[in-house]
């Protein structure tokens, strides 16, 4: 009799554990994801945890680095809008913004690891529009650039870290077009000329101590009888952290609900 009571008691305990244990990675009869899901890296670490309803992501998803640190927190809303925050592996916010139908949308802000703003961009259905602004780590503006349909279009201004204008140029649907002016860090212009379909074309002028020094004639990118003059300082790409942003979206930017 005691054995019978023991068996009955154990059966109740077992059923209680079964009722409270979570069920993961379930699909319904139509093959649609339902409920809580969890994915792992090939090496076994948790990659992301989230929830689905009829194969669509709902509520909060959390993505992880292999170290276990949070990589991305994203909350899905019923109107196809998702709010996302990316993190550096050390825990600081790397980027924050909105997705619409799993495409970047509206204002996105990126941050340096110490928390100061790196850049701000505007998106419509995953494509850049309007004016984007990049910042030096000291908070000064590095670059202001106009976009249309994910292509540089309009005026671009690049600044030295001291706030002085370094470059001013124009783009037409991704190609340099029109007047370009280059300046020294003290504010003096040192070169000016025009681009046509992304190459130098026409008369270019160089300046010394703010005064015109020499002229050069270009024809569709080729300088007639002159040596090419290299712009001052390092290319702007070498002094930004744009590679950090690109790496984030290359690896993780399209994982919402995947």
C-alpha atoms as a PDB file:
ATOM      1  CA  UNK A   1       0.000   0.000   0.000  1.00  0.00           C
ATOM      2  CA  UNK A   2       2.868   2.353   0.862  1.00  0.00           C
ATOM      3  CA  UNK A   3       4.414   1.630  -2.514  1.00  0.00           C
ATOM      4  CA  UNK A   4       1.125   2.525  -4.201  1.00  0.00           C
ATOM      5  CA  UNK A   5       0.966   5.908  -2.442  1.00  0.00           C
ATOM      6  CA  UNK A   6       4.609   6.568  -3.357  1.00  0.00           C
ATOM      7  CA  UNK A   7       3.949   5.836  -7.033  1.00  0.00           C
ATOM      8  CA  UNK A   8       0.891   8.114  -7.043  1.00  0.00           C
ATOM      9  CA  UNK A   9       2.828  10.907  -5.314  1.00  0.00           C
ATOM     10  CA  UNK A  10       5.706  10.669  -7.767  1.00  0.00           C
ATOM     11  CA  UNK A  11       3.305  10.762 -10.688  1.00  0.00           C
ATOM     12  CA  UNK A  12       1.816  14.036  -9.393  1.00  0.00           C
ATOM     13  CA  UNK A  13       5.284  15.541  -8.951  1.00  0.00           C
ATOM     14  CA  UNK A  14       6.308  14.471 -12.450  1.00  0.00           C
ATOM     15  CA  UNK A  15       3.163  15.907 -13.999  1.00  0.00           C
ATOM     16  CA  UNK A  16       3.728  19.152 -12.098  1.00  0.00           C
ATOM     17  CA  UNK A  17       7.238  19.511 -13.540  1.00  0.00           C
ATOM     18  CA  UNK A  18       5.939  18.752 -17.029  1.00  0.00           C
ATOM     19  CA  UNK A  19       3.299  21.460 -16.760  1.00  0.00           C
ATOM     20  CA  UNK A  20       5.741  24.148 -15.633  1.00  0.00           C
ATOM     21  CA  UNK A  21       8.652  23.357 -17.977  1.00  0.00           C
ATOM     22  CA  UNK A  22       8.966  25.652 -20.990  1.00  0.00           C
ATOM     23  CA  UNK A  23       8.458  24.351 -24.499  1.00  0.00           C
ATOM     24  CA  UNK A  24      10.757  25.783 -27.187  1.00  0.00           C
ATOM     25  CA  UNK A  25      10.959  25.853 -30.978  1.00  0.00           C
ATOM     26  CA  UNK A  26       7.459  24.633 -31.812  1.00  0.00           C
ATOM     27  CA  UNK A  27       5.681  24.752 -35.179  1.00  0.00           C
ATOM     28  CA  UNK A  28       1.983  24.189 -35.776  1.00  0.00           C
ATOM     29  CA  UNK A  29       0.389  21.821 -38.294  1.00  0.00           C
ATOM     30  CA  UNK A  30       0.950  24.410 -41.036  1.00  0.00           C
ATOM     31  CA  UNK A  31       4.656  24.660 -40.296  1.00  0.00           C
ATOM     32  CA  UNK A  32       4.379  28.134 -38.729  1.00  0.00           C
ATOM     33  CA  UNK A  33       6.554  29.070 -35.766  1.00  0.00           C
ATOM     34  CA  UNK A  34       4.581  29.506 -32.555  1.00  0.00           C
ATOM     35  CA  UNK A  35       5.580  30.476 -29.029  1.00  0.00           C
ATOM     36  CA  UNK A  36       9.073  30.811 -27.609  1.00  0.00           C
ATOM     37  CA  UNK A  37      12.075  30.056 -29.783  1.00  0.00           C
ATOM     38  CA  UNK A  38      15.769  29.805 -29.089  1.00  0.00           C
ATOM     39  CA  UNK A  39      18.704  29.510 -31.482  1.00  0.00           C
ATOM     40  CA  UNK A  40      22.320  28.586 -30.771  1.00  0.00           C
ATOM     41  CA  UNK A  41      25.666  29.235 -32.386  1.00  0.00           C
ATOM     42  CA  UNK A  42      27.301  26.208 -33.992  1.00  0.00           C
ATOM     43  CA  UNK A  43      29.532  26.053 -30.937  1.00  0.00           C
ATOM     44  CA  UNK A  44      26.540  25.761 -28.594  1.00  0.00           C
ATOM     45  CA  UNK A  45      26.181  29.239 -27.095  1.00  0.00           C
ATOM     46  CA  UNK A  46      22.741  30.891 -27.145  1.00  0.00           C
ATOM     47  CA  UNK A  47      22.442  33.138 -30.216  1.00  0.00           C
ATOM     48  CA  UNK A  48      18.963  34.577 -29.718  1.00  0.00           C
ATOM     49  CA  UNK A  49      15.769  34.103 -27.742  1.00  0.00           C
ATOM     50  CA  UNK A  50      12.394  35.332 -28.959  1.00  0.00           C
ATOM     51  CA  UNK A  51       8.722  34.658 -29.486  1.00  0.00           C
ATOM     52  CA  UNK A  52       6.611  34.026 -32.599  1.00  0.00           C
ATOM     53  CA  UNK A  53       2.945  34.080 -33.453  1.00  0.00           C
ATOM     54  CA  UNK A  54       1.961  32.579 -36.792  1.00  0.00           C
ATOM     55  CA  UNK A  55       5.590  32.727 -37.959  1.00  0.00           C
ATOM     56  CA  UNK A  56       5.907  36.451 -37.177  1.00  0.00           C
ATOM     57  CA  UNK A  57       8.200  37.774 -34.423  1.00  0.00           C
ATOM     58  CA  UNK A  58       6.366  39.376 -31.492  1.00  0.00           C
ATOM     59  CA  UNK A  59       7.353  41.069 -28.247  1.00  0.00           C
ATOM     60  CA  UNK A  60      11.037  41.124 -27.311  1.00  0.00           C
ATOM     61  CA  UNK A  61      13.941  39.341 -29.002  1.00  0.00           C
ATOM     62  CA  UNK A  62      17.391  39.295 -27.436  1.00  0.00           C
ATOM     63  CA  UNK A  63      20.538  38.437 -29.417  1.00  0.00           C
ATOM     64  CA  UNK A  64      23.821  37.523 -27.729  1.00  0.00           C
ATOM     65  CA  UNK A  65      27.512  37.545 -28.470  1.00  0.00           C
ATOM     66  CA  UNK A  66      29.185  34.168 -28.006  1.00  0.00           C
ATOM     67  CA  UNK A  67      30.517  35.501 -24.723  1.00  0.00           C
ATOM     68  CA  UNK A  68      26.949  35.770 -23.423  1.00  0.00           C
ATOM     69  CA  UNK A  69      26.896  39.573 -23.496  1.00  0.00           C
ATOM     70  CA  UNK A  70      23.791  41.130 -25.040  1.00  0.00           C
ATOM     71  CA  UNK A  71      24.290  42.130 -28.667  1.00  0.00           C
ATOM     72  CA  UNK A  72      20.817  43.347 -29.592  1.00  0.00           C
ATOM     73  CA  UNK A  73      17.485  43.970 -27.909  1.00  0.00           C
ATOM     74  CA  UNK A  74      14.536  44.447 -30.234  1.00  0.00           C
ATOM     75  CA  UNK A  75      10.847  44.803 -29.441  1.00  0.00           C
ATOM     76  CA  UNK A  76       8.315  43.970 -32.150  1.00  0.00           C
ATOM     77  CA  UNK A  77       4.949  45.732 -32.315  1.00  0.00           C
ATOM     78  CA  UNK A  78       1.774  44.629 -34.187  1.00  0.00           C
ATOM     79  CA  UNK A  79       2.064  47.426 -36.794  1.00  0.00           C
ATOM     80  CA  UNK A  80       5.281  46.011 -38.368  1.00  0.00           C
ATOM     81  CA  UNK A  81       7.391  48.452 -36.331  1.00  0.00           C
ATOM     82  CA  UNK A  82      10.340  47.237 -34.270  1.00  0.00           C
ATOM     83  CA  UNK A  83      12.497  49.239 -31.865  1.00  0.00           C
ATOM     84  CA  UNK A  84      16.100  48.073 -31.657  1.00  0.00           C
ATOM     85  CA  UNK A  85      19.152  48.767 -29.534  1.00  0.00           C
ATOM     86  CA  UNK A  86      22.565  47.348 -30.469  1.00  0.00           C
ATOM     87  CA  UNK A  87      25.341  46.976 -27.894  1.00  0.00           C
ATOM     88  CA  UNK A  88      29.097  46.664 -27.904  1.00  0.00           C
ATOM     89  CA  UNK A  89      30.323  43.475 -26.288  1.00  0.00           C
ATOM     90  CA  UNK A  90      31.460  45.564 -23.332  1.00  0.00           C
ATOM     91  CA  UNK A  91      27.840  46.600 -22.682  1.00  0.00           C
ATOM     92  CA  UNK A  92      27.696  50.154 -24.019  1.00  0.00           C
ATOM     93  CA  UNK A  93      24.989  51.148 -26.512  1.00  0.00           C
ATOM     94  CA  UNK A  94      26.328  51.031 -30.093  1.00  0.00           C
ATOM     95  CA  UNK A  95      23.221  52.060 -32.060  1.00  0.00           C
ATOM     96  CA  UNK A  96      19.495  52.612 -31.620  1.00  0.00           C
ATOM     97  CA  UNK A  97      16.620  53.115 -34.002  1.00  0.00           C
ATOM     98  CA  UNK A  98      13.458  51.804 -35.617  1.00  0.00           C
ATOM     99  CA  UNK A  99      12.728  49.072 -38.135  1.00  0.00           C
ATOM    100  CA  UNK A 100       9.646  49.085 -40.342  1.00  0.00           C
ATOM    101  CA  UNK A 101       8.896  45.771 -42.031  1.00  0.00           C
ATOM    102  CA  UNK A 102      12.409  44.669 -41.008  1.00  0.00           C
ATOM    103  CA  UNK A 103      14.068  47.598 -42.796  1.00  0.00           C
ATOM    104  CA  UNK A 104      15.809  50.472 -41.021  1.00  0.00           C
ATOM    105  CA  UNK A 105      13.463  53.454 -40.878  1.00  0.00           C
ATOM    106  CA  UNK A 106      13.370  57.002 -39.487  1.00  0.00           C
ATOM    107  CA  UNK A 107      16.219  58.287 -37.310  1.00  0.00           C
ATOM    108  CA  UNK A 108      19.114  56.006 -36.345  1.00  0.00           C
ATOM    109  CA  UNK A 109      21.812  57.110 -33.920  1.00  0.00           C
ATOM    110  CA  UNK A 110      25.207  55.404 -33.509  1.00  0.00           C
ATOM    111  CA  UNK A 111      27.504  55.837 -30.535  1.00  0.00           C
ATOM    112  CA  UNK A 112      31.178  55.539 -29.719  1.00  0.00           C
ATOM    113  CA  UNK A 113      32.012  52.993 -26.984  1.00  0.00           C
ATOM    114  CA  UNK A 114      32.328  55.804 -24.427  1.00  0.00           C
ATOM    115  CA  UNK A 115      28.730  56.886 -25.096  1.00  0.00           C
ATOM    116  CA  UNK A 116      29.159  60.036 -27.164  1.00  0.00           C
ATOM    117  CA  UNK A 117      27.334  60.255 -30.478  1.00  0.00           C
ATOM    118  CA  UNK A 118      29.140  58.902 -33.557  1.00  0.00           C
ATOM    119  CA  UNK A 119      26.538  59.586 -36.243  1.00  0.00           C
ATOM    120  CA  UNK A 120      22.886  60.258 -36.960  1.00  0.00           C
ATOM    121  CA  UNK A 121      21.110  59.143 -40.136  1.00  0.00           C
ATOM    122  CA  UNK A 122      17.587  59.109 -41.541  1.00  0.00           C
ATOM    123  CA  UNK A 123      16.158  56.056 -43.336  1.00  0.00           C
ATOM    124  CA  UNK A 124      13.029  55.329 -45.333  1.00  0.00           C
ATOM    125  CA  UNK A 125      12.406  51.632 -45.995  1.00  0.00           C
ATOM    126  CA  UNK A 126      16.066  50.764 -45.469  1.00  0.00           C
ATOM    127  CA  UNK A 127      17.487  53.571 -47.627  1.00  0.00           C
ATOM    128  CA  UNK A 128      19.188  56.748 -46.492  1.00  0.00           C
ATOM    129  CA  UNK A 129      17.476  60.058 -47.178  1.00  0.00           C
ATOM    130  CA  UNK A 130      18.035  63.603 -46.000  1.00  0.00           C
ATOM    131  CA  UNK A 131      21.077  64.789 -44.083  1.00  0.00           C
ATOM    132  CA  UNK A 132      23.393  62.459 -42.159  1.00  0.00           C
ATOM    133  CA  UNK A 133      25.835  63.825 -39.604  1.00  0.00           C
ATOM    134  CA  UNK A 134      29.047  62.187 -38.368  1.00  0.00           C
ATOM    135  CA  UNK A 135      30.868  63.356 -35.241  1.00  0.00           C
ATOM    136  CA  UNK A 136      34.374  63.286 -33.859  1.00  0.00           C
ATOM    137  CA  UNK A 137      34.768  61.742 -30.422  1.00  0.00           C
ATOM    138  CA  UNK A 138      35.103  65.239 -28.959  1.00  0.00           C
ATOM    139  CA  UNK A 139      31.566  66.032 -30.164  1.00  0.00           C
ATOM    140  CA  UNK A 140      32.497  68.315 -33.062  1.00  0.00           C
ATOM    141  CA  UNK A 141      30.876  67.662 -36.429  1.00  0.00           C
ATOM    142  CA  UNK A 142      33.062  65.594 -38.760  1.00  0.00           C
ATOM    143  CA  UNK A 143      30.811  65.453 -41.808  1.00  0.00           C
ATOM    144  CA  UNK A 144      27.385  66.566 -43.010  1.00  0.00           C
ATOM    145  CA  UNK A 145      26.116  64.746 -46.071  1.00  0.00           C
ATOM    146  CA  UNK A 146      22.871  64.783 -48.060  1.00  0.00           C
ATOM    147  CA  UNK A 147      21.298  61.559 -49.346  1.00  0.00           C
ATOM    148  CA  UNK A 148      18.560  60.437 -51.685  1.00  0.00           C
ATOM    149  CA  UNK A 149      17.513  56.829 -52.256  1.00  0.00           C
ATOM    150  CA  UNK A 150      20.657  55.603 -50.445  1.00  0.00           C
ATOM    151  CA  UNK A 151      22.984  57.612 -52.703  1.00  0.00           C
ATOM    152  CA  UNK A 152      24.990  60.747 -51.927  1.00  0.00           C
ATOM    153  CA  UNK A 153      22.997  63.569 -53.478  1.00  0.00           C
ATOM    154  CA  UNK A 154      23.484  67.250 -52.751  1.00  0.00           C
ATOM    155  CA  UNK A 155      25.966  69.085 -50.568  1.00  0.00           C
ATOM    156  CA  UNK A 156      28.646  67.383 -48.466  1.00  0.00           C
ATOM    157  CA  UNK A 157      30.742  69.242 -45.910  1.00  0.00           C
ATOM    158  CA  UNK A 158      33.722  67.719 -44.092  1.00  0.00           C
ATOM    159  CA  UNK A 159      35.349  69.421 -41.105  1.00  0.00           C
ATOM    160  CA  UNK A 160      38.645  69.272 -39.265  1.00  0.00           C
ATOM    161  CA  UNK A 161      38.503  68.254 -35.627  1.00  0.00           C
ATOM    162  CA  UNK A 162      39.016  71.902 -34.670  1.00  0.00           C
ATOM    163  CA  UNK A 163      35.719  72.774 -36.399  1.00  0.00           C
ATOM    164  CA  UNK A 164      37.227  74.405 -39.496  1.00  0.00           C
ATOM    165  CA  UNK A 165      35.828  73.439 -42.901  1.00  0.00           C
ATOM    166  CA  UNK A 166      38.000  70.876 -44.717  1.00  0.00           C
ATOM    167  CA  UNK A 167      36.016  69.982 -47.851  1.00  0.00           C
ATOM    168  CA  UNK A 168      32.876  71.200 -49.532  1.00  0.00           C
ATOM    169  CA  UNK A 169      31.588  69.292 -52.543  1.00  0.00           C
ATOM    170  CA  UNK A 170      28.420  68.174 -54.286  1.00  0.00           C
ATOM    171  CA  UNK A 171      27.106  64.816 -55.410  1.00  0.00           C
ATOM    172  CA  UNK A 172      24.496  63.909 -57.976  1.00  0.00           C
ATOM    173  CA  UNK A 173      22.973  60.472 -57.331  1.00  0.00           C
ATOM    174  CA  UNK A 174      26.209  59.009 -56.000  1.00  0.00           C
ATOM    175  CA  UNK A 175      28.737  60.770 -58.258  1.00  0.00           C
ATOM    176  CA  UNK A 176      30.744  63.916 -57.597  1.00  0.00           C
ATOM    177  CA  UNK A 177      29.294  66.735 -59.677  1.00  0.00           C
ATOM    178  CA  UNK A 178      30.021  70.461 -59.619  1.00  0.00           C
ATOM    179  CA  UNK A 179      32.261  72.715 -57.550  1.00  0.00           C
ATOM    180  CA  UNK A 180      34.631  71.235 -54.956  1.00  0.00           C
ATOM    181  CA  UNK A 181      36.623  73.346 -52.481  1.00  0.00           C
ATOM    182  CA  UNK A 182      39.418  72.075 -50.191  1.00  0.00           C
ATOM    183  CA  UNK A 183      40.766  73.957 -47.176  1.00  0.00           C
ATOM    184  CA  UNK A 184      43.720  73.860 -44.816  1.00  0.00           C
ATOM    185  CA  UNK A 185      43.117  73.448 -41.088  1.00  0.00           C
ATOM    186  CA  UNK A 186      43.717  77.189 -40.591  1.00  0.00           C
ATOM    187  CA  UNK A 187      40.762  77.986 -42.864  1.00  0.00           C
ATOM    188  CA  UNK A 188      42.694  78.965 -46.006  1.00  0.00           C
ATOM    189  CA  UNK A 189      41.550  77.427 -49.284  1.00  0.00           C
ATOM    190  CA  UNK A 190      44.256  75.413 -51.027  1.00  0.00           C
ATOM    191  CA  UNK A 191      42.411  73.855 -53.995  1.00  0.00           C
ATOM    192  CA  UNK A 192      39.220  74.416 -55.946  1.00  0.00           C
ATOM    193  CA  UNK A 193      37.709  73.017 -59.116  1.00  0.00           C
ATOM    194  CA  UNK A 194      34.804  71.067 -60.567  1.00  0.00           C
ATOM    195  CA  UNK A 195      33.824  67.432 -61.027  1.00  0.00           C
ATOM    196  CA  UNK A 196      31.865  65.963 -63.900  1.00  0.00           C
ATOM    197  CA  UNK A 197      30.448  62.470 -63.448  1.00  0.00           C
ATOM    198  CA  UNK A 198      32.853  61.677 -60.607  1.00  0.00           C
ATOM    199  CA  UNK A 199      36.078  62.912 -62.273  1.00  0.00           C
ATOM    200  CA  UNK A 200      37.870  66.256 -62.308  1.00  0.00           C
ATOM    201  CA  UNK A 201      36.979  68.333 -65.335  1.00  0.00           C
ATOM    202  CA  UNK A 202      37.823  71.886 -66.338  1.00  0.00           C
ATOM    203  CA  UNK A 203      40.104  74.366 -64.580  1.00  0.00           C
ATOM    204  CA  UNK A 204      41.370  73.602 -61.087  1.00  0.00           C
ATOM    205  CA  UNK A 205      43.119  76.212 -58.959  1.00  0.00           C
ATOM    206  CA  UNK A 206      45.639  75.788 -56.152  1.00  0.00           C
ATOM    207  CA  UNK A 207      46.267  78.390 -53.469  1.00  0.00           C
ATOM    208  CA  UNK A 208      49.140  79.220 -51.131  1.00  0.00           C
ATOM    209  CA  UNK A 209      48.574  81.265 -47.996  1.00  0.00           C
ATOM    210  CA  UNK A 210      45.082  81.977 -49.260  1.00  0.00           C
ATOM    211  CA  UNK A 211      46.234  83.359 -52.620  1.00  0.00           C
ATOM    212  CA  UNK A 212      45.938  81.709 -56.034  1.00  0.00           C
ATOM    213  CA  UNK A 213      49.151  79.861 -56.856  1.00  0.00           C
ATOM    214  CA  UNK A 214      48.703  77.842 -60.068  1.00  0.00           C
ATOM    215  CA  UNK A 215      46.069  76.462 -62.419  1.00  0.00           C
ATOM    216  CA  UNK A 216      45.591  72.989 -63.867  1.00  0.00           C
ATOM    217  CA  UNK A 217      43.413  71.876 -66.758  1.00  0.00           C
ATOM    218  CA  UNK A 218      41.547  68.578 -66.539  1.00  0.00           C
ATOM    219  CA  UNK A 219      39.682  66.755 -69.242  1.00  0.00           C
ATOM    220  CA  UNK A 220      37.462  63.965 -67.931  1.00  0.00           C
ATOM    221  CA  UNK A 221      39.848  63.166 -65.091  1.00  0.00           C
ATOM    222  CA  UNK A 222      43.155  63.573 -66.917  1.00  0.00           C
ATOM    223  CA  UNK A 223      45.372  66.514 -66.086  1.00  0.00           C
ATOM    224  CA  UNK A 224      47.028  68.142 -69.078  1.00  0.00           C
ATOM    225  CA  UNK A 225      50.779  68.420 -68.452  1.00  0.00           C
ATOM    226  CA  UNK A 226      50.675  68.612 -64.686  1.00  0.00           C
ATOM    227  CA  UNK A 227      51.344  66.499 -61.613  1.00  0.00           C
ATOM    228  CA  UNK A 228      48.398  65.377 -59.528  1.00  0.00           C
ATOM    229  CA  UNK A 229      48.204  67.169 -56.182  1.00  0.00           C
ATOM    230  CA  UNK A 230      47.392  64.993 -53.194  1.00  0.00           C
ATOM    231  CA  UNK A 231      44.825  66.478 -50.747  1.00  0.00           C
ATOM    232  CA  UNK A 232      46.066  67.436 -47.300  1.00  0.00           C
ATOM    233  CA  UNK A 233      45.989  65.035 -44.348  1.00  0.00           C
ATOM    234  CA  UNK A 234      44.656  61.498 -44.235  1.00  0.00           C
ATOM    235  CA  UNK A 235      41.537  60.444 -46.104  1.00  0.00           C
ATOM    236  CA  UNK A 236      38.478  61.053 -43.965  1.00  0.00           C
ATOM    237  CA  UNK A 237      37.689  57.317 -43.795  1.00  0.00           C
ATOM    238  CA  UNK A 238      40.826  56.701 -41.730  1.00  0.00           C
ATOM    239  CA  UNK A 239      39.737  58.948 -38.891  1.00  0.00           C
ATOM    240  CA  UNK A 240      36.150  57.717 -38.466  1.00  0.00           C
ATOM    241  CA  UNK A 241      34.628  54.604 -36.924  1.00  0.00           C
ATOM    242  CA  UNK A 242      32.341  53.959 -39.898  1.00  0.00           C
ATOM    243  CA  UNK A 243      33.853  50.482 -40.125  1.00  0.00           C
ATOM    244  CA  UNK A 244      32.317  49.698 -36.732  1.00  0.00           C
ATOM    245  CA  UNK A 245      28.861  50.625 -38.029  1.00  0.00           C
ATOM    246  CA  UNK A 246      29.299  48.695 -41.264  1.00  0.00           C
ATOM    247  CA  UNK A 247      30.455  45.605 -39.392  1.00  0.00           C
ATOM    248  CA  UNK A 248      27.415  45.682 -37.114  1.00  0.00           C
ATOM    249  CA  UNK A 249      24.943  45.733 -39.989  1.00  0.00           C
ATOM    250  CA  UNK A 250      26.909  43.332 -42.130  1.00  0.00           C
ATOM    251  CA  UNK A 251      26.763  40.745 -39.355  1.00  0.00           C
ATOM    252  CA  UNK A 252      23.627  41.554 -37.412  1.00  0.00           C
ATOM    253  CA  UNK A 253      21.530  44.286 -39.029  1.00  0.00           C
ATOM    254  CA  UNK A 254      19.107  42.008 -40.885  1.00  0.00           C
ATOM    255  CA  UNK A 255      18.542  39.396 -38.190  1.00  0.00           C
ATOM    256  CA  UNK A 256      15.257  40.786 -36.916  1.00  0.00           C
ATOM    257  CA  UNK A 257      12.960  37.801 -36.614  1.00  0.00           C
ATOM    258  CA  UNK A 258      15.314  35.457 -38.453  1.00  0.00           C
END
